[in-house]
Each structure stands twice: as structure tokens, then as C-alpha cells.
Amino acid sequence: VLVLVAWLMGARRVDRQSVDTAFRSGVLLATQLDDHDGAGGHTAFLTLRHGGRDTAPVQDWTCDRRELFDARGQRIWPDHLGHRAGTGGDPCAALSRIQTLAPGGQAVCTFVLGHGPTPEAALALALQVQRADPAPTSAAVGARWQSMLGAVTVHSPDPLFDAMVNR
């Protein structure tokens, strides 16, 4: 299982150049260093939920997108990730772990994306959600979106327009 997030921290794509990345306690962190838009110090994170039947740790990670794309921008599948973090790269968050299933088996793998106003707050939140059961939160978020998006339903002669507007 591999998940990749390409960070866009700040108002413009060029703001990616002022992002510091780190890997701490199984959490990939991306902190915006430039404060020109008021987001300096804000930190996004990506982590893998632990607990319950989902107990396998992160086995491989990187914060440098160049490990996953060649010079032409084509996706590549490296044998392993380089455990790179810091500034000056092409910031991303890529986590992977091995998931072995028996024939006909199933598994749930929960990756969590979040944000905090400081690196310390983001890490604390990530560590908290690593141990939490995602089902109640997922159900609550689904119900909230349903209440917002289901408040108005459009019926027009064009079913494609209805599909686009209604959800």
C-alpha cells in the first residue's frame, strides 16, 4: 500500500520551495517557512492509523517527490523509498507499508491527512488520530456533507447537469 500527497503549502505553487519536511514518530510533516501570506509555521501532516486490526507500521517513506517521478514527470515505482526529508526538495508525503492478505481476504488501511498551526500541534494531532477509530469520524463527516449537499436538489431536463450540480 502506497499513498502520495503532493503538498501545495501557501497561495502559489512557487511556495513549495519554502517547505520544510520531516518524519517523526511515523508522521510525515510539511511546514511552510515563508510567511508572506500569513501561513508561516503552519504544518500539514500525513500518517497511517494504528490500532485495532490496522497495526502494521509505516515501512517506507519519503518527503521528496523526485523519487516517484522521472525527469519527464512520468510516474515510476521505486523498489524502496529513500527516507528523505528537509528543505530544497520537491516536497511531498509518501508512506507505504506491506499488506499481506489471504485469498479472498480484506483489509482496511486508513491514511490520515491533517493540519496544525505549528509543527508541534500538527504532530500532537497526528499522534492522537493514529490511535483513534476512524469509523465514527468518517460517519460524522459523511453526515455533515450529506446535510450540506443534500439541502437543495436540482431536477432539469439534462441528467448530466443534474449529476454535476447535485453531488
Protein backbone atom coordinates (compact mmCIF):
# COMPACT_ATOMS: atom_id res chain seq x y z
CA VAL A 1 0.00 0.00 0.00
CA LEU A 2 1.46 3.38 -1.02
CA VAL A 3 -0.07 6.83 -0.68
CA LEU A 4 1.42 10.01 -2.12
CA VAL A 5 0.43 13.60 -1.31
CA ALA A 6 2.00 16.46 -3.28
CA TRP A 7 1.95 19.43 -0.92
CA LEU A 8 0.84 22.88 -2.02
CA MET A 9 1.58 24.94 1.05
CA GLY A 10 0.80 28.61 0.54
CA ALA A 11 -1.10 30.62 -2.01
CA ARG A 12 1.06 29.84 -5.05
CA ARG A 13 2.83 26.79 -6.44
CA VAL A 14 6.19 28.57 -6.05
CA ASP A 15 5.56 28.47 -2.27
CA ARG A 16 6.53 24.78 -2.41
CA GLN A 17 10.15 25.95 -2.42
CA SER A 18 9.85 27.20 1.16
CA VAL A 19 8.52 24.00 2.75
CA ASP A 20 10.48 22.04 5.33
CA THR A 21 9.60 18.35 5.62
CA ALA A 22 10.26 15.88 8.42
CA PHE A 23 9.45 12.33 9.53
CA ARG A 24 8.75 11.96 13.26
CA SER A 25 7.03 9.12 15.13
CA GLY A 26 5.57 7.65 11.94
CA VAL A 27 4.23 11.03 10.77
CA LEU A 28 5.30 12.99 7.69
CA LEU A 29 5.21 16.72 8.39
CA ALA A 30 5.38 19.66 5.96
CA THR A 31 5.91 23.13 7.45
CA GLN A 32 5.52 26.32 5.42
CA LEU A 33 8.55 28.51 6.21
CA ASP A 34 7.66 31.63 4.21
CA ASP A 35 5.17 33.88 6.00
CA HIS A 36 4.25 36.23 3.14
CA ASP A 37 0.62 35.03 3.18
CA GLY A 38 0.33 34.54 6.94
CA ALA A 39 0.78 30.75 6.80
CA GLY A 40 4.35 30.66 8.08
CA GLY A 41 4.82 27.83 10.55
CA HIS A 42 1.57 26.09 9.59
CA THR A 43 2.16 22.37 9.26
CA ALA A 44 0.32 19.70 7.31
CA PHE A 45 0.75 16.01 8.06
CA LEU A 46 0.16 12.55 6.66
CA THR A 47 0.09 9.49 8.87
CA LEU A 48 -1.13 5.93 8.97
CA ARG A 49 -3.72 4.97 11.55
CA HIS A 50 -2.61 2.36 14.08
CA GLY A 51 -4.70 0.23 16.39
CA GLY A 52 -7.44 -2.35 16.15
CA ARG A 53 -6.76 -4.71 13.27
CA ASP A 54 -4.77 -1.99 11.47
CA THR A 55 -1.46 -2.42 13.31
CA ALA A 56 1.23 -2.61 10.62
CA PRO A 57 3.65 0.32 10.90
CA VAL A 58 4.93 2.54 8.12
CA GLN A 59 7.73 0.63 6.43
CA ASP A 60 8.89 3.13 3.85
CA TRP A 61 8.58 6.87 3.36
CA THR A 62 9.94 9.93 1.60
CA CYS A 63 9.28 13.66 1.51
CA ASP A 64 10.88 14.16 -1.92
CA ARG A 65 8.56 13.80 -4.91
CA ARG A 66 11.54 13.33 -7.25
CA GLU A 67 11.84 9.74 -6.00
CA LEU A 68 8.47 8.92 -7.57
CA PHE A 69 8.66 10.77 -10.91
CA ASP A 70 11.30 10.77 -13.63
CA ALA A 71 12.72 13.86 -15.36
CA ARG A 72 9.76 13.92 -17.77
CA GLY A 73 7.21 13.79 -14.97
CA GLN A 74 6.27 10.15 -15.60
CA ARG A 75 5.37 8.05 -12.56
CA ILE A 76 7.98 5.48 -11.53
CA TRP A 77 7.73 2.67 -8.96
CA PRO A 78 10.93 2.58 -6.93
CA ASP A 79 11.96 -0.61 -5.12
CA HIS A 80 12.06 1.40 -1.91
CA LEU A 81 11.74 5.00 -0.80
CA GLY A 82 14.81 6.96 0.25
CA HIS A 83 13.69 8.29 3.66
CA ARG A 84 14.47 11.85 2.52
CA ALA A 85 13.28 14.94 4.38
CA GLY A 86 14.32 18.56 4.81
CA THR A 87 14.21 21.64 2.61
CA GLY A 88 15.20 22.14 -1.00
CA GLY A 89 13.49 19.11 -2.49
CA ASP A 90 10.18 18.78 -4.28
CA PRO A 91 8.02 18.38 -1.14
CA CYS A 92 5.55 15.57 -0.85
CA ALA A 93 4.48 12.95 1.64
CA ALA A 94 4.74 9.30 0.58
CA LEU A 95 4.09 6.48 3.03
CA SER A 96 3.96 2.77 2.36
CA ARG A 97 3.59 -0.48 4.18
CA ILE A 98 3.30 -4.11 3.20
CA GLN A 99 -0.16 -5.61 3.50
CA THR A 100 -0.44 -9.39 3.13
CA LEU A 101 -3.87 -10.88 2.52
CA ALA A 102 -5.07 -14.46 2.37
CA PRO A 103 -7.03 -15.40 -0.77
CA GLY A 104 -10.41 -13.68 -0.54
CA GLY A 105 -9.21 -11.63 2.45
CA GLN A 106 -9.87 -7.98 3.15
CA ALA A 107 -8.01 -5.21 4.93
CA VAL A 108 -8.67 -1.61 5.82
CA CYS A 109 -5.80 0.84 5.64
CA THR A 110 -6.51 4.35 6.91
CA PHE A 111 -4.21 7.20 5.94
CA VAL A 112 -4.91 10.47 7.73
CA LEU A 113 -4.23 13.92 6.28
CA GLY A 114 -4.39 16.89 8.63
CA HIS A 115 -3.11 20.32 9.61
CA GLY A 116 -1.96 22.23 12.66
CA PRO A 117 -0.97 25.86 13.26
CA THR A 118 2.53 24.76 14.40
CA PRO A 119 4.69 21.67 13.86
CA GLU A 120 4.13 20.66 17.50
CA ALA A 121 0.33 20.98 17.24
CA ALA A 122 0.26 19.03 13.96
CA LEU A 123 2.38 16.23 15.42
CA ALA A 124 0.23 16.04 18.57
CA LEU A 125 -2.94 15.81 16.46
CA ALA A 126 -1.40 13.17 14.19
CA LEU A 127 -0.35 11.02 17.15
CA GLN A 128 -3.85 11.33 18.61
CA VAL A 129 -5.56 10.20 15.40
CA GLN A 130 -3.12 7.34 14.87
CA ARG A 131 -4.80 5.59 17.81
CA ALA A 132 -8.40 6.67 17.15
CA ASP A 133 -11.06 4.56 15.44
CA PRO A 134 -11.80 6.33 12.12
CA ALA A 135 -15.34 4.90 11.70
CA PRO A 136 -17.23 7.40 13.93
CA THR A 137 -15.39 10.37 12.43
CA SER A 138 -15.95 9.11 8.90
CA ALA A 139 -19.67 8.66 9.59
CA ALA A 140 -19.93 12.15 11.10
CA VAL A 141 -18.12 13.74 8.15
CA GLY A 142 -20.36 11.85 5.71
CA ALA A 143 -23.47 13.04 7.53
CA ARG A 144 -22.23 16.64 7.52
CA TRP A 145 -21.55 16.58 3.77
CA GLN A 146 -24.94 14.97 3.17
CA SER A 147 -26.69 17.74 5.13
CA MET A 148 -24.82 20.45 3.22
CA LEU A 149 -25.02 18.93 -0.25
CA GLY A 150 -28.45 17.37 0.12
CA ALA A 151 -30.18 20.59 1.17
CA VAL A 152 -31.02 21.55 -2.42
CA THR A 153 -31.66 19.14 -5.27
CA VAL A 154 -31.92 20.29 -8.88
CA HIS A 155 -34.05 18.46 -11.47
CA SER A 156 -33.56 19.68 -15.02
CA PRO A 157 -34.13 18.22 -18.50
CA ASP A 158 -30.39 17.40 -18.60
CA PRO A 159 -29.43 14.42 -16.37
CA LEU A 160 -25.70 15.19 -16.76
CA PHE A 161 -26.26 18.70 -15.40
CA ASP A 162 -28.27 17.23 -12.51
CA ALA A 163 -25.44 14.81 -11.68
CA MET A 164 -22.87 17.60 -11.70
CA VAL A 165 -24.91 20.03 -9.61
CA ASN A 166 -26.47 17.62 -7.11
CA ARG A 167 -23.32 15.92 -5.83
